[in-house]
PDB file of N, CA and C in Angstrom:
ATOM      1  N   UNK A   1     131.190 106.979 118.083  1.00  0.00           N
ATOM      2  CA  UNK A   1     132.333 105.474 116.832  1.00  0.00           C
ATOM      3  C   UNK A   1     132.908 104.233 116.885  1.00  0.00           C
ATOM      4  N   UNK A   2     131.824 103.708 118.464  1.00  0.00           N
ATOM      5  CA  UNK A   2     132.239 102.343 118.696  1.00  0.00           C
ATOM      6  C   UNK A   2     131.214 102.237 117.257  1.00  0.00           C
ATOM      7  N   UNK A   3     130.189 102.449 116.445  1.00  0.00           N
ATOM      8  CA  UNK A   3     128.976 101.247 115.283  1.00  0.00           C
ATOM      9  C   UNK A   3     130.514 101.079 114.079  1.00  0.00           C
ATOM     10  N   UNK A   4     131.082 101.921 114.144  1.00  0.00           N
ATOM     11  CA  UNK A   4     132.401 102.628 113.015  1.00  0.00           C
ATOM     12  C   UNK A   4     133.264 100.794 113.617  1.00  0.00           C
ATOM     13  N   UNK A   5     133.885 101.011 114.543  1.00  0.00           N
ATOM     14  CA  UNK A   5     134.618  99.850 115.219  1.00  0.00           C
ATOM     15  C   UNK A   5     133.894  98.437 114.765  1.00  0.00           C
ATOM     16  N   UNK A   6     132.716  98.863 114.850  1.00  0.00           N
ATOM     17  CA  UNK A   6     132.025  97.381 114.893  1.00  0.00           C
ATOM     18  C   UNK A   6     132.067  96.867 113.350  1.00  0.00           C
ATOM     19  N   UNK A   7     131.121  97.327 112.100  1.00  0.00           N
ATOM     20  CA  UNK A   7     131.394  97.496 110.387  1.00  0.00           C
ATOM     21  C   UNK A   7     132.730  96.951 110.419  1.00  0.00           C
ATOM     22  N   UNK A   8     133.812  97.759 111.612  1.00  0.00           N
ATOM     23  CA  UNK A   8     135.334  97.548 110.688  1.00  0.00           C
ATOM     24  C   UNK A   8     135.635  96.571 110.872  1.00  0.00           C
ATOM     25  N   UNK A   9     134.914  95.916 111.957  1.00  0.00           N
ATOM     26  CA  UNK A   9     135.146  94.295 112.570  1.00  0.00           C
ATOM     27  C   UNK A   9     134.537  93.508 111.836  1.00  0.00           C
ATOM     28  N   UNK A  10     133.604  93.978 111.146  1.00  0.00           N
ATOM     29  CA  UNK A  10     132.417  92.962 110.408  1.00  0.00           C
ATOM     30  C   UNK A  10     132.889  93.390 109.023  1.00  0.00           C
ATOM     31  N   UNK A  11     134.060  94.262 109.236  1.00  0.00           N
ATOM     32  CA  UNK A  11     134.472  94.153 107.539  1.00  0.00           C
ATOM     33  C   UNK A  11     132.469  94.580 106.329  1.00  0.00           C
ATOM     34  N   UNK A  12     132.076  95.877 107.085  1.00  0.00           N
ATOM     35  CA  UNK A  12     130.636  96.556 106.522  1.00  0.00           C
ATOM     36  C   UNK A  12     131.430  97.487 105.701  1.00  0.00           C
ATOM     37  N   UNK A  13     132.447  97.982 104.980  1.00  0.00           N
ATOM     38  CA  UNK A  13     132.523  99.359 104.942  1.00  0.00           C
ATOM     39  C   UNK A  13     131.659 100.221 104.083  1.00  0.00           C
ATOM     40  N   UNK A  14     130.502  99.466 103.717  1.00  0.00           N
ATOM     41  CA  UNK A  14     129.312 100.571 102.952  1.00  0.00           C
ATOM     42  C   UNK A  14     128.819 101.038 104.147  1.00  0.00           C
ATOM     43  N   UNK A  15     128.801 100.453 105.172  1.00  0.00           N
ATOM     44  CA  UNK A  15     127.896 101.253 106.641  1.00  0.00           C
ATOM     45  C   UNK A  15     128.776 102.097 107.536  1.00  0.00           C
ATOM     46  N   UNK A  16     130.307 101.755 107.147  1.00  0.00           N
ATOM     47  CA  UNK A  16     130.854 102.225 107.513  1.00  0.00           C
ATOM     48  C   UNK A  16     130.972 103.823 106.856  1.00  0.00           C
ATOM     49  N   UNK A  17     131.435 103.905 105.793  1.00  0.00           N
ATOM     50  CA  UNK A  17     131.329 105.112 104.187  1.00  0.00           C
ATOM     51  C   UNK A  17     129.722 105.745 104.955  1.00  0.00           C
ATOM     52  N   UNK A  18     129.250 105.631 104.969  1.00  0.00           N
ATOM     53  CA  UNK A  18     127.514 106.164 105.411  1.00  0.00           C
ATOM     54  C   UNK A  18     127.415 106.854 106.872  1.00  0.00           C
ATOM     55  N   UNK A  19     128.271 105.844 108.152  1.00  0.00           N
ATOM     56  CA  UNK A  19     128.235 106.623 108.829  1.00  0.00           C
ATOM     57  C   UNK A  19     129.415 108.318 108.702  1.00  0.00           C
ATOM     58  N   UNK A  20     130.174 107.886 107.951  1.00  0.00           N
ATOM     59  CA  UNK A  20     131.156 108.494 107.920  1.00  0.00           C
ATOM     60  C   UNK A  20     130.805 109.799 107.309  1.00  0.00           C
ATOM     61  N   UNK A  21     129.930 109.292 106.317  1.00  0.00           N
ATOM     62  CA  UNK A  21     130.135 110.560 105.392  1.00  0.00           C
ATOM     63  C   UNK A  21     127.659 111.170 105.760  1.00  0.00           C
ATOM     64  N   UNK A  22     127.814 111.265 107.386  1.00  0.00           N
ATOM     65  CA  UNK A  22     127.047 111.840 107.981  1.00  0.00           C
ATOM     66  C   UNK A  22     127.680 113.109 108.547  1.00  0.00           C
ATOM     67  N   UNK A  23     128.974 112.938 108.613  1.00  0.00           N
ATOM     68  CA  UNK A  23     130.171 113.743 109.460  1.00  0.00           C
ATOM     69  C   UNK A  23     129.862 114.932 108.654  1.00  0.00           C
ATOM     70  N   UNK A  24     129.986 114.865 107.442  1.00  0.00           N
ATOM     71  CA  UNK A  24     130.385 115.824 106.001  1.00  0.00           C
ATOM     72  C   UNK A  24     129.479 117.140 106.977  1.00  0.00           C
ATOM     73  N   UNK A  25     128.515 117.933 107.147  1.00  0.00           N
ATOM     74  CA  UNK A  25     127.841 118.714 106.865  1.00  0.00           C
ATOM     75  C   UNK A  25     128.552 118.928 108.703  1.00  0.00           C
ATOM     76  N   UNK A  26     128.323 118.084 109.713  1.00  0.00           N
ATOM     77  CA  UNK A  26     128.623 118.698 110.673  1.00  0.00           C
ATOM     78  C   UNK A  26     129.826 119.368 110.679  1.00  0.00           C
ATOM     79  N   UNK A  27     130.997 118.345 110.098  1.00  0.00           N
ATOM     80  CA  UNK A  27     132.102 119.009 109.785  1.00  0.00           C
ATOM     81  C   UNK A  27     132.657 120.854 109.373  1.00  0.00           C
ATOM     82  N   UNK A  28     132.166 120.371 108.022  1.00  0.00           N
ATOM     83  CA  UNK A  28     131.309 122.063 107.153  1.00  0.00           C
ATOM     84  C   UNK A  28     131.500 122.865 107.704  1.00  0.00           C
ATOM     85  N   UNK A  29     129.919 122.785 109.273  1.00  0.00           N
ATOM     86  CA  UNK A  29     129.662 123.379 109.327  1.00  0.00           C
ATOM     87  C   UNK A  29     131.178 124.160 111.530  1.00  0.00           C
ATOM     88  N   UNK A  30     131.414 122.884 111.091  1.00  0.00           N
ATOM     89  CA  UNK A  30     132.656 123.393 112.424  1.00  0.00           C
ATOM     90  C   UNK A  30     133.781 124.644 111.617  1.00  0.00           C
ATOM     91  N   UNK A  31     134.057 123.510 110.558  1.00  0.00           N
ATOM     92  CA  UNK A  31     134.821 124.971 109.815  1.00  0.00           C
ATOM     93  C   UNK A  31     134.577 126.076 109.265  1.00  0.00           C
ATOM     94  N   UNK A  32     133.255 126.680 108.992  1.00  0.00           N
ATOM     95  CA  UNK A  32     132.666 127.680 109.172  1.00  0.00           C
ATOM     96  C   UNK A  32     133.086 128.385 110.222  1.00  0.00           C
ATOM     97  N   UNK A  33     132.106 127.703 111.143  1.00  0.00           N
ATOM     98  CA  UNK A  33     131.836 128.537 112.722  1.00  0.00           C
ATOM     99  C   UNK A  33     133.111 128.658 113.705  1.00  0.00           C
ATOM    100  N   UNK A  34     134.442 127.897 113.479  1.00  0.00           N
ATOM    101  CA  UNK A  34     134.723 127.468 114.444  1.00  0.00           C
ATOM    102  C   UNK A  34     136.224 128.206 114.389  1.00  0.00           C
ATOM    103  N   UNK A  35     137.291 129.344 114.630  1.00  0.00           N
ATOM    104  CA  UNK A  35     138.104 129.091 114.672  1.00  0.00           C
ATOM    105  C   UNK A  35     139.272 128.396 115.207  1.00  0.00           C
ATOM    106  N   UNK A  36     140.096 127.436 114.668  1.00  0.00           N
ATOM    107  CA  UNK A  36     140.937 125.910 114.816  1.00  0.00           C
ATOM    108  C   UNK A  36     141.797 126.425 116.031  1.00  0.00           C
ATOM    109  N   UNK A  37     142.850 127.508 115.312  1.00  0.00           N
ATOM    110  CA  UNK A  37     144.025 128.131 115.380  1.00  0.00           C
ATOM    111  C   UNK A  37     143.682 128.897 116.624  1.00  0.00           C
ATOM    112  N   UNK A  38     142.919 128.980 117.714  1.00  0.00           N
ATOM    113  CA  UNK A  38     142.339 130.208 118.339  1.00  0.00           C
ATOM    114  C   UNK A  38     143.321 130.573 119.452  1.00  0.00           C
ATOM    115  N   UNK A  39     143.251 131.280 119.610  1.00  0.00           N
ATOM    116  CA  UNK A  39     145.064 132.214 120.297  1.00  0.00           C
ATOM    117  C   UNK A  39     145.192 131.789 121.697  1.00  0.00           C
ATOM    118  N   UNK A  40     144.246 131.059 122.765  1.00  0.00           N
ATOM    119  CA  UNK A  40     144.221 130.266 123.498  1.00  0.00           C
ATOM    120  C   UNK A  40     144.412 128.612 123.581  1.00  0.00           C
ATOM    121  N   UNK A  41     145.954 127.967 124.190  1.00  0.00           N
ATOM    122  CA  UNK A  41     146.547 127.098 123.367  1.00  0.00           C
ATOM    123  C   UNK A  41     145.535 126.391 124.164  1.00  0.00           C
ATOM    124  N   UNK A  42     144.648 126.124 124.910  1.00  0.00           N
ATOM    125  CA  UNK A  42     144.292 124.460 125.565  1.00  0.00           C
ATOM    126  C   UNK A  42     142.709 124.498 124.805  1.00  0.00           C
ATOM    127  N   UNK A  43     142.520 125.488 123.799  1.00  0.00           N
ATOM    128  CA  UNK A  43     140.949 125.294 122.972  1.00  0.00           C
ATOM    129  C   UNK A  43     141.840 125.012 121.992  1.00  0.00           C
ATOM    130  N   UNK A  44     142.721 125.576 121.753  1.00  0.00           N
ATOM    131  CA  UNK A  44     143.542 124.973 119.972  1.00  0.00           C
ATOM    132  C   UNK A  44     143.337 123.808 120.072  1.00  0.00           C
ATOM    133  N   UNK A  45     143.971 122.714 121.548  1.00  0.00           N
ATOM    134  CA  UNK A  45     145.084 121.722 121.463  1.00  0.00           C
ATOM    135  C   UNK A  45     143.752 120.516 121.478  1.00  0.00           C
ATOM    136  N   UNK A  46     142.369 121.311 121.853  1.00  0.00           N
ATOM    137  CA  UNK A  46     141.159 120.401 121.968  1.00  0.00           C
ATOM    138  C   UNK A  46     141.173 120.645 120.719  1.00  0.00           C
ATOM    139  N   UNK A  47     140.604 121.952 119.824  1.00  0.00           N
ATOM    140  CA  UNK A  47     139.827 121.517 118.846  1.00  0.00           C
ATOM    141  C   UNK A  47     141.098 121.031 117.377  1.00  0.00           C
ATOM    142  N   UNK A  48     142.711 121.361 117.248  1.00  0.00           N
ATOM    143  CA  UNK A  48     143.229 119.702 116.545  1.00  0.00           C
ATOM    144  C   UNK A  48     142.883 118.573 117.444  1.00  0.00           C
ATOM    145  N   UNK A  49     142.827 118.319 118.489  1.00  0.00           N
ATOM    146  CA  UNK A  49     142.836 116.955 118.540  1.00  0.00           C
ATOM    147  C   UNK A  49     141.336 116.398 118.512  1.00  0.00           C
ATOM    148  N   UNK A  50     139.839 117.293 118.300  1.00  0.00           N
ATOM    149  CA  UNK A  50     139.142 116.538 117.373  1.00  0.00           C
ATOM    150  C   UNK A  50     139.489 116.092 116.473  1.00  0.00           C
ATOM    151  N   UNK A  51     140.422 117.339 115.547  1.00  0.00           N
ATOM    152  CA  UNK A  51     140.357 117.122 113.974  1.00  0.00           C
ATOM    153  C   UNK A  51     140.611 115.714 113.727  1.00  0.00           C
ATOM    154  N   UNK A  52     142.156 115.554 114.649  1.00  0.00           N
ATOM    155  CA  UNK A  52     143.006 114.383 114.089  1.00  0.00           C
ATOM    156  C   UNK A  52     141.821 112.980 115.018  1.00  0.00           C
ATOM    157  N   UNK A  53     141.202 112.874 115.978  1.00  0.00           N
ATOM    158  CA  UNK A  53     140.587 111.488 116.054  1.00  0.00           C
ATOM    159  C   UNK A  53     139.473 111.676 114.946  1.00  0.00           C
ATOM    160  N   UNK A  54     138.792 112.672 113.533  1.00  0.00           N
ATOM    161  CA  UNK A  54     137.800 112.122 112.752  1.00  0.00           C
ATOM    162  C   UNK A  54     138.672 111.573 111.497  1.00  0.00           C
ATOM    163  N   UNK A  55     140.167 111.978 111.950  1.00  0.00           N
ATOM    164  CA  UNK A  55     140.338 112.057 110.834  1.00  0.00           C
ATOM    165  C   UNK A  55     141.317 110.549 110.787  1.00  0.00           C
ATOM    166  N   UNK A  56     141.094 110.350 112.094  1.00  0.00           N
ATOM    167  CA  UNK A  56     141.635 109.125 112.550  1.00  0.00           C
ATOM    168  C   UNK A  56     140.666 107.868 111.945  1.00  0.00           C
ATOM    169  N   UNK A  57     139.606 108.218 112.824  1.00  0.00           N
ATOM    170  CA  UNK A  57     138.127 107.068 111.592  1.00  0.00           C
ATOM    171  C   UNK A  57     138.307 107.071 109.983  1.00  0.00           C
ATOM    172  N   UNK A  58     138.287 107.809 109.184  1.00  0.00           N
ATOM    173  CA  UNK A  58     138.516 108.056 108.427  1.00  0.00           C
ATOM    174  C   UNK A  58     139.527 106.846 108.042  1.00  0.00           C
ATOM    175  N   UNK A  59     140.964 106.949 108.295  1.00  0.00           N
ATOM    176  CA  UNK A  59     142.038 106.813 107.503  1.00  0.00           C
ATOM    177  C   UNK A  59     141.790 105.528 108.301  1.00  0.00           C
ATOM    178  N   UNK A  60     140.409 104.266 109.088  1.00  0.00           N
ATOM    179  CA  UNK A  60     140.749 103.173 109.425  1.00  0.00           C
ATOM    180  C   UNK A  60     140.945 102.577 108.336  1.00  0.00           C
ATOM    181  N   UNK A  61     139.383 103.059 107.337  1.00  0.00           N
ATOM    182  CA  UNK A  61     139.070 102.710 106.305  1.00  0.00           C
ATOM    183  C   UNK A  61     139.258 102.892 104.965  1.00  0.00           C
ATOM    184  N   UNK A  62     140.066 103.892 104.818  1.00  0.00           N
ATOM    185  CA  UNK A  62     140.766 103.905 103.521  1.00  0.00           C
ATOM    186  C   UNK A  62     141.925 105.051 103.253  1.00  0.00           C
ATOM    187  N   UNK A  63     142.380 105.037 102.549  1.00  0.00           N
ATOM    188  CA  UNK A  63     144.211 106.693 102.522  1.00  0.00           C
ATOM    189  C   UNK A  63     143.521 107.515 102.221  1.00  0.00           C
ATOM    190  N   UNK A  64     142.912 108.456 102.394  1.00  0.00           N
ATOM    191  CA  UNK A  64     141.831 109.497 101.815  1.00  0.00           C
ATOM    192  C   UNK A  64     143.171 110.179 101.131  1.00  0.00           C
ATOM    193  N   UNK A  65     144.637 109.994 101.328  1.00  0.00           N
ATOM    194  CA  UNK A  65     145.243 111.027 100.841  1.00  0.00           C
ATOM    195  C   UNK A  65     145.968 110.796  98.902  1.00  0.00           C
ATOM    196  N   UNK A  66     144.871 109.485  98.802  1.00  0.00           N
ATOM    197  CA  UNK A  66     144.871 109.045  97.741  1.00  0.00           C
ATOM    198  C   UNK A  66     144.038 109.360  96.740  1.00  0.00           C
ATOM    199  N   UNK A  67     143.520 109.944  97.876  1.00  0.00           N
ATOM    200  CA  UNK A  67     141.386 110.894  96.087  1.00  0.00           C
ATOM    201  C   UNK A  67     142.680 112.359  95.649  1.00  0.00           C
ATOM    202  N   UNK A  68     142.255 111.875  94.059  1.00  0.00           N
ATOM    203  CA  UNK A  68     143.079 113.212  93.524  1.00  0.00           C
ATOM    204  C   UNK A  68     142.214 114.508  93.069  1.00  0.00           C
ATOM    205  N   UNK A  69     141.975 115.349  94.276  1.00  0.00           N
ATOM    206  CA  UNK A  69     140.761 116.148  92.961  1.00  0.00           C
ATOM    207  C   UNK A  69     140.884 116.656  91.652  1.00  0.00           C
ATOM    208  N   UNK A  70     139.896 117.370  91.254  1.00  0.00           N
ATOM    209  CA  UNK A  70     139.625 117.416  89.940  1.00  0.00           C
ATOM    210  C   UNK A  70     140.646 118.598  89.884  1.00  0.00           C
ATOM    211  N   UNK A  71     140.592 119.635  90.187  1.00  0.00           N
ATOM    212  CA  UNK A  71     142.212 120.760  90.675  1.00  0.00           C
ATOM    213  C   UNK A  71     143.183 120.098  90.056  1.00  0.00           C
ATOM    214  N   UNK A  72     143.494 118.733  90.989  1.00  0.00           N
ATOM    215  CA  UNK A  72     144.916 118.753  91.058  1.00  0.00           C
ATOM    216  C   UNK A  72     144.907 117.592  89.574  1.00  0.00           C
ATOM    217  N   UNK A  73     143.671 117.525  89.350  1.00  0.00           N
ATOM    218  CA  UNK A  73     144.366 116.811  87.955  1.00  0.00           C
ATOM    219  C   UNK A  73     145.401 114.941  87.710  1.00  0.00           C
ATOM    220  N   UNK A  74     145.493 114.407  87.230  1.00  0.00           N
ATOM    221  CA  UNK A  74     145.913 113.291  87.659  1.00  0.00           C
ATOM    222  C   UNK A  74     147.658 112.850  86.911  1.00  0.00           C
ATOM    223  N   UNK A  75     148.650 112.295  87.032  1.00  0.00           N
ATOM    224  CA  UNK A  75     149.303 112.185  87.133  1.00  0.00           C
ATOM    225  C   UNK A  75     149.896 111.038  86.120  1.00  0.00           C
TER     226      UNK A  75
END
């Protein structure tokens, strides 16, 4: 994530989104193959922390909660 911070500080947001876009496939695979809410508390905490770290990276660039999906529609 070092390059992400560098691009943000240089206001090179297109490059930031390109880097973050590279995470789509690995994140999708993670959720397809990994049980985040594992019975083992330590494993569960580590997996949740990893997801939070990725979310923080995205939120440094944009508030993704403002994106409206097609299913939700517009108000």
